[in-house]
Protein backbone atom coordinates (compact mmCIF):
# COMPACT_ATOMS: atom_id res chain seq x y z
CA MET A 1 167.95 107.26 -10.45
CA ARG A 2 171.39 105.89 -9.90
CA LYS A 3 172.49 103.43 -7.29
CA ALA A 4 175.83 103.64 -5.57
CA LYS A 5 177.40 100.50 -4.24
CA THR A 6 180.57 100.97 -2.32
CA GLY A 7 181.20 97.51 -0.97
CA GLY A 8 182.92 98.95 2.09
CA LYS A 9 182.89 96.66 5.09
CA LEU A 10 182.32 98.04 8.57
CA PRO A 11 184.92 97.12 11.14
CA ARG A 12 183.96 95.55 14.46
CA PHE A 13 184.13 98.09 17.24
CA ARG A 14 185.28 97.19 20.74
CA THR A 15 183.94 100.33 22.41
CA VAL A 16 181.47 103.13 21.82
CA GLU A 17 184.38 105.55 21.82
CA GLU A 18 186.12 103.58 19.05
CA GLU A 19 182.94 103.59 16.96
CA SER A 20 182.41 107.30 17.57
CA ALA A 21 185.96 108.08 16.46
CA PHE A 22 185.40 105.99 13.31
CA TRP A 23 182.23 107.88 12.34
CA ASP A 24 183.95 111.21 12.95
CA THR A 25 186.12 110.43 9.91
CA HIS A 26 183.77 108.33 7.75
CA SER A 27 180.39 108.69 6.10
CA PRO A 28 177.60 106.08 6.04
CA LEU A 29 177.62 106.65 2.27
CA GLU A 30 180.91 104.76 2.13
CA PHE A 31 179.12 101.58 3.17
CA GLY A 32 176.18 99.68 1.75
CA GLU A 33 174.04 100.43 -1.25
CA TRP A 34 172.51 103.89 -1.68
CA GLU A 35 170.15 105.34 -4.23
CA ALA A 36 170.09 108.97 -5.32
CA VAL A 37 166.64 110.46 -4.75
CA PRO A 38 165.60 113.75 -6.39
CA TYR A 39 165.01 116.61 -3.96
CA GLU A 40 161.43 117.05 -5.22
CA THR A 41 160.63 113.42 -4.36
CA VAL A 42 161.92 113.86 -0.82
CA CYS A 43 159.80 117.00 -0.40
CA GLU A 44 156.70 115.19 -1.67
CA GLU A 45 157.24 112.29 0.74
CA LEU A 46 157.79 114.62 3.67
CA GLY A 47 154.71 116.62 2.71
CA ALA A 48 152.60 113.46 2.58
CA ARG A 49 153.34 112.90 6.27
CA GLU A 50 152.38 116.35 7.48
CA GLY A 51 149.80 115.00 9.92
CA ALA A 52 149.61 116.13 13.51
CA LYS A 53 152.86 115.68 15.38
CA ARG A 54 153.24 114.57 18.98
CA ALA A 55 156.06 115.89 21.10
CA VAL A 56 158.30 113.20 22.59
CA THR A 57 161.33 113.44 24.83
CA LEU A 58 164.45 111.46 24.03
CA ARG A 59 167.72 111.52 25.89
CA LEU A 60 170.52 111.54 23.33
CA GLU A 61 174.24 111.93 23.70
CA ARG A 62 175.41 115.48 23.14
CA GLU A 63 177.73 114.38 20.31
CA LEU A 64 174.84 112.60 18.54
CA VAL A 65 172.73 115.77 18.61
CA GLU A 66 175.64 117.90 17.40
CA ARG A 67 176.34 115.51 14.51
CA LEU A 68 172.64 115.45 13.64
CA LYS A 69 172.61 119.25 13.56
CA ARG A 70 175.71 119.37 11.33
CA VAL A 71 174.25 116.91 8.82
CA ALA A 72 170.89 118.68 8.86
CA ARG A 73 172.56 122.05 8.24
CA ARG A 74 174.43 120.64 5.22
CA SER A 75 171.13 119.23 3.92
CA GLY A 76 169.20 122.44 4.49
CA LEU A 77 166.88 120.80 7.02
CA LYS A 78 165.99 121.37 10.64
CA TYR A 79 167.61 118.72 12.78
CA GLN A 80 164.28 117.57 14.23
CA ALA A 81 162.95 116.97 10.71
CA LEU A 82 166.08 115.03 9.80
CA ALA A 83 165.80 112.90 12.95
CA ARG A 84 162.13 112.21 12.19
CA GLU A 85 163.00 111.19 8.62
CA ILE A 86 165.80 108.88 9.77
CA LEU A 87 163.45 107.24 12.24
CA TRP A 88 160.67 106.95 9.65
CA GLN A 89 162.95 105.39 7.01
CA SER A 90 164.45 102.97 9.52
CA LEU A 91 161.03 101.76 10.63
CA MET A 92 159.83 101.41 7.04
CA ARG A 93 162.83 99.18 6.18
CA ARG A 94 162.18 96.98 9.21
CA ALA A 95 158.50 96.58 8.27
CA GLU A 96 159.37 95.11 4.88
C-alpha cells in the first residue's frame, strides 16, 4: 500500500458558510496523510460488520446530505453505507 502525504494546511474559517465554500472546491485528500486501501480489503471490513443494524434519526444539513450522496455515488456505495463507514472510522481513530 502507498501512503500519500500532501502537507496541505487547513485555513481557519470564520463562518460555516466560509468553510462550506472551501470544501465545495477542495477535497479532504489534499490535507493530511492518506493510505490507499485495496477495494477487496474495504469489502472484507464492511462484511465483517454485517451485524444487525438499528435505525437512528439524525438531522443533517441538506447540503451535507447532498455532498454525501455525490461522494457515495462516485464510490459506488449507498450514501447510508458511506455515512456509517465514516462514522465507524472516526470512532475507531478516537479510540486509539
